[in-house]
N, C-alpha and C. Protein backbone atom coordinates (compact mmCIF):
# COMPACT_ATOMS: atom_id res chain seq x y z
N MET A 1 148.25 43.11 117.20
CA MET A 1 149.18 42.23 117.88
C MET A 1 150.56 42.88 117.96
N MET A 2 150.93 43.55 116.90
CA MET A 2 152.26 44.16 116.88
C MET A 2 152.35 45.30 117.90
N THR A 3 151.30 46.11 117.99
CA THR A 3 151.30 47.22 118.93
C THR A 3 151.38 46.70 120.37
N GLN A 4 150.66 45.62 120.64
CA GLN A 4 150.68 45.04 121.98
C GLN A 4 152.09 44.57 122.34
N ARG A 5 152.76 43.93 121.42
CA ARG A 5 154.12 43.45 121.69
C ARG A 5 155.10 44.59 121.88
N LEU A 6 154.93 45.67 121.14
CA LEU A 6 155.80 46.82 121.32
C LEU A 6 155.65 47.42 122.71
N TRP A 7 154.41 47.57 123.17
CA TRP A 7 154.17 48.10 124.51
C TRP A 7 154.73 47.18 125.58
N LEU A 8 154.54 45.86 125.39
CA LEU A 8 155.08 44.92 126.37
C LEU A 8 156.61 44.96 126.40
N GLY A 9 157.22 45.07 125.24
CA GLY A 9 158.68 45.17 125.18
C GLY A 9 159.18 46.42 125.89
N LEU A 10 158.47 47.51 125.69
CA LEU A 10 158.85 48.75 126.37
C LEU A 10 158.67 48.63 127.88
N ALA A 11 157.62 47.93 128.30
CA ALA A 11 157.40 47.71 129.73
C ALA A 11 158.54 46.89 130.33
N VAL A 12 159.03 45.90 129.60
CA VAL A 12 160.15 45.09 130.08
C VAL A 12 161.41 45.94 130.21
N VAL A 13 161.65 46.79 129.23
CA VAL A 13 162.83 47.66 129.27
C VAL A 13 162.76 48.60 130.47
N TYR A 14 161.60 49.22 130.71
CA TYR A 14 161.45 50.11 131.86
C TYR A 14 161.61 49.36 133.17
N THR A 15 161.09 48.13 133.24
CA THR A 15 161.22 47.34 134.46
C THR A 15 162.68 47.00 134.73
N CYS A 16 163.40 46.58 133.70
CA CYS A 16 164.82 46.25 133.89
C CYS A 16 165.62 47.48 134.32
N THR A 17 165.33 48.61 133.71
CA THR A 17 166.01 49.85 134.07
C THR A 17 165.70 50.22 135.52
N ALA A 18 164.44 50.05 135.92
CA ALA A 18 164.06 50.37 137.30
C ALA A 18 164.76 49.43 138.28
N LEU A 19 164.94 48.18 137.90
CA LEU A 19 165.64 47.25 138.79
C LEU A 19 167.11 47.63 138.96
N VAL A 20 167.74 48.10 137.89
CA VAL A 20 169.12 48.56 137.99
C VAL A 20 169.19 49.78 138.90
N GLN A 21 168.23 50.69 138.74
CA GLN A 21 168.20 51.87 139.60
C GLN A 21 167.95 51.47 141.05
N LEU A 22 167.13 50.45 141.27
CA LEU A 22 166.87 49.97 142.62
C LEU A 22 168.15 49.41 143.24
N TYR A 23 168.94 48.71 142.44
CA TYR A 23 170.22 48.22 142.93
C TYR A 23 171.14 49.39 143.31
N LEU A 24 171.17 50.42 142.46
CA LEU A 24 171.99 51.59 142.78
C LEU A 24 171.51 52.27 144.05
N LEU A 25 170.20 52.34 144.23
CA LEU A 25 169.65 52.92 145.46
C LEU A 25 170.08 52.12 146.68
N ALA A 26 170.02 50.80 146.57
CA ALA A 26 170.38 49.96 147.72
C ALA A 26 171.87 50.02 148.02
N SER A 27 172.68 50.10 146.97
CA SER A 27 174.12 50.04 147.20
C SER A 27 174.73 51.41 147.54
N THR A 28 174.16 52.48 147.03
CA THR A 28 174.76 53.80 147.27
C THR A 28 173.90 54.70 148.13
N GLY A 29 172.59 54.43 148.18
CA GLY A 29 171.70 55.29 148.94
C GLY A 29 171.41 56.61 148.26
N ALA A 30 171.68 56.70 146.96
CA ALA A 30 171.46 57.94 146.23
C ALA A 30 169.96 58.20 146.06
N VAL A 31 169.54 59.39 146.40
CA VAL A 31 168.14 59.76 146.31
C VAL A 31 167.67 59.76 144.86
N TRP A 32 168.53 60.22 143.95
CA TRP A 32 168.14 60.26 142.54
C TRP A 32 167.85 58.86 142.01
N ALA A 33 168.52 57.85 142.53
CA ALA A 33 168.26 56.48 142.08
C ALA A 33 166.87 56.04 142.54
N GLY A 34 166.47 56.45 143.71
CA GLY A 34 165.13 56.13 144.19
C GLY A 34 164.05 56.79 143.36
N THR A 35 164.29 58.02 142.98
CA THR A 35 163.34 58.74 142.14
C THR A 35 163.22 58.06 140.78
N LEU A 36 164.35 57.71 140.20
CA LEU A 36 164.32 57.04 138.90
C LEU A 36 163.70 55.65 138.99
N THR A 37 163.88 54.98 140.11
CA THR A 37 163.25 53.67 140.31
C THR A 37 161.74 53.81 140.29
N ALA A 38 161.24 54.77 141.03
CA ALA A 38 159.79 54.99 141.08
C ALA A 38 159.25 55.36 139.70
N LEU A 39 159.94 56.24 139.01
CA LEU A 39 159.50 56.64 137.67
C LEU A 39 159.53 55.45 136.69
N GLY A 40 160.55 54.62 136.81
CA GLY A 40 160.66 53.45 135.94
C GLY A 40 159.52 52.48 136.14
N PHE A 41 159.18 52.23 137.41
CA PHE A 41 158.08 51.31 137.68
C PHE A 41 156.73 51.89 137.24
N VAL A 42 156.55 53.18 137.39
CA VAL A 42 155.31 53.82 136.91
C VAL A 42 155.23 53.74 135.39
N ALA A 43 156.33 54.00 134.71
CA ALA A 43 156.35 53.91 133.25
C ALA A 43 156.07 52.49 132.79
N ALA A 44 156.62 51.50 133.48
CA ALA A 44 156.37 50.11 133.12
C ALA A 44 154.90 49.77 133.32
N LEU A 45 154.31 50.26 134.38
CA LEU A 45 152.89 50.02 134.63
C LEU A 45 152.03 50.66 133.54
N LEU A 46 152.36 51.88 133.16
CA LEU A 46 151.61 52.56 132.11
C LEU A 46 151.75 51.85 130.76
N CYS A 47 152.94 51.34 130.47
CA CYS A 47 153.15 50.59 129.22
C CYS A 47 152.36 49.29 129.23
N THR A 48 152.29 48.64 130.38
CA THR A 48 151.50 47.42 130.49
C THR A 48 150.02 47.73 130.27
N LEU A 49 149.56 48.83 130.83
CA LEU A 49 148.17 49.25 130.63
C LEU A 49 147.91 49.56 129.15
N ALA A 50 148.84 50.23 128.50
CA ALA A 50 148.69 50.53 127.08
C ALA A 50 148.67 49.25 126.25
N SER A 51 149.47 48.28 126.63
CA SER A 51 149.46 46.99 125.94
C SER A 51 148.11 46.30 126.08
N TRP A 52 147.56 46.33 127.28
CA TRP A 52 146.27 45.72 127.52
C TRP A 52 145.18 46.41 126.70
N ARG A 53 145.24 47.74 126.65
CA ARG A 53 144.26 48.49 125.85
C ARG A 53 144.42 48.20 124.36
N ALA A 54 145.65 48.07 123.90
CA ALA A 54 145.89 47.78 122.48
C ALA A 54 145.34 46.40 122.12
N SER A 55 145.52 45.43 123.00
CA SER A 55 144.99 44.10 122.70
C SER A 55 143.48 44.11 122.70
N LYS A 56 142.88 44.86 123.62
CA LYS A 56 141.42 44.97 123.66
C LYS A 56 140.90 45.65 122.40
N ARG A 57 141.59 46.70 121.97
CA ARG A 57 141.18 47.43 120.77
C ARG A 57 141.28 46.52 119.54
N GLU A 58 142.34 45.73 119.46
CA GLU A 58 142.50 44.82 118.32
C GLU A 58 141.41 43.75 118.32
N ARG A 59 141.04 43.26 119.49
CA ARG A 59 139.94 42.29 119.56
C ARG A 59 138.64 42.91 119.11
N ASP A 60 138.37 44.14 119.54
CA ASP A 60 137.15 44.83 119.13
C ASP A 60 137.13 45.07 117.63
N ASP A 61 138.27 45.45 117.06
CA ASP A 61 138.35 45.66 115.62
C ASP A 61 138.10 44.36 114.87
N THR A 62 138.59 43.26 115.39
CA THR A 62 138.38 41.97 114.74
C THR A 62 136.91 41.58 114.79
N ARG A 63 136.25 41.82 115.90
CA ARG A 63 134.83 41.51 116.02
C ARG A 63 134.02 42.35 115.05
N GLU A 64 134.42 43.61 114.87
CA GLU A 64 133.69 44.49 113.96
C GLU A 64 133.81 43.99 112.53
N VAL A 65 134.98 43.57 112.11
CA VAL A 65 135.19 43.04 110.77
C VAL A 65 134.41 41.74 110.59
N ASP A 66 134.45 40.88 111.60
CA ASP A 66 133.73 39.61 111.51
C ASP A 66 132.22 39.81 111.43
N SER A 67 131.72 40.85 112.06
CA SER A 67 130.26 41.06 112.05
C SER A 67 129.77 41.50 110.68
N HIS A 68 130.65 42.00 109.82
CA HIS A 68 130.25 42.42 108.48
C HIS A 68 130.32 41.29 107.46
N GLN A 69 130.82 40.16 107.86
CA GLN A 69 130.93 39.01 106.95
C GLN A 69 129.54 38.42 106.72
N PRO A 70 129.23 38.00 105.47
CA PRO A 70 127.91 37.39 105.20
C PRO A 70 127.81 36.00 105.78
């Protein structure tokens, strides 16, 4: 559960950063802001995927422990 929350928190941080970069792109037209926006959204997507995998792994680990109970 803790790992999942850490990944989700990181995804939120990357998303917020990408939104700020998107604002800079819209207001200044700077190409570097567009590049950073795209990278931020990709990083947020990857963190969300890692969070989903962590939650799935934790569920599988819980099932494995429960299956050993008498």
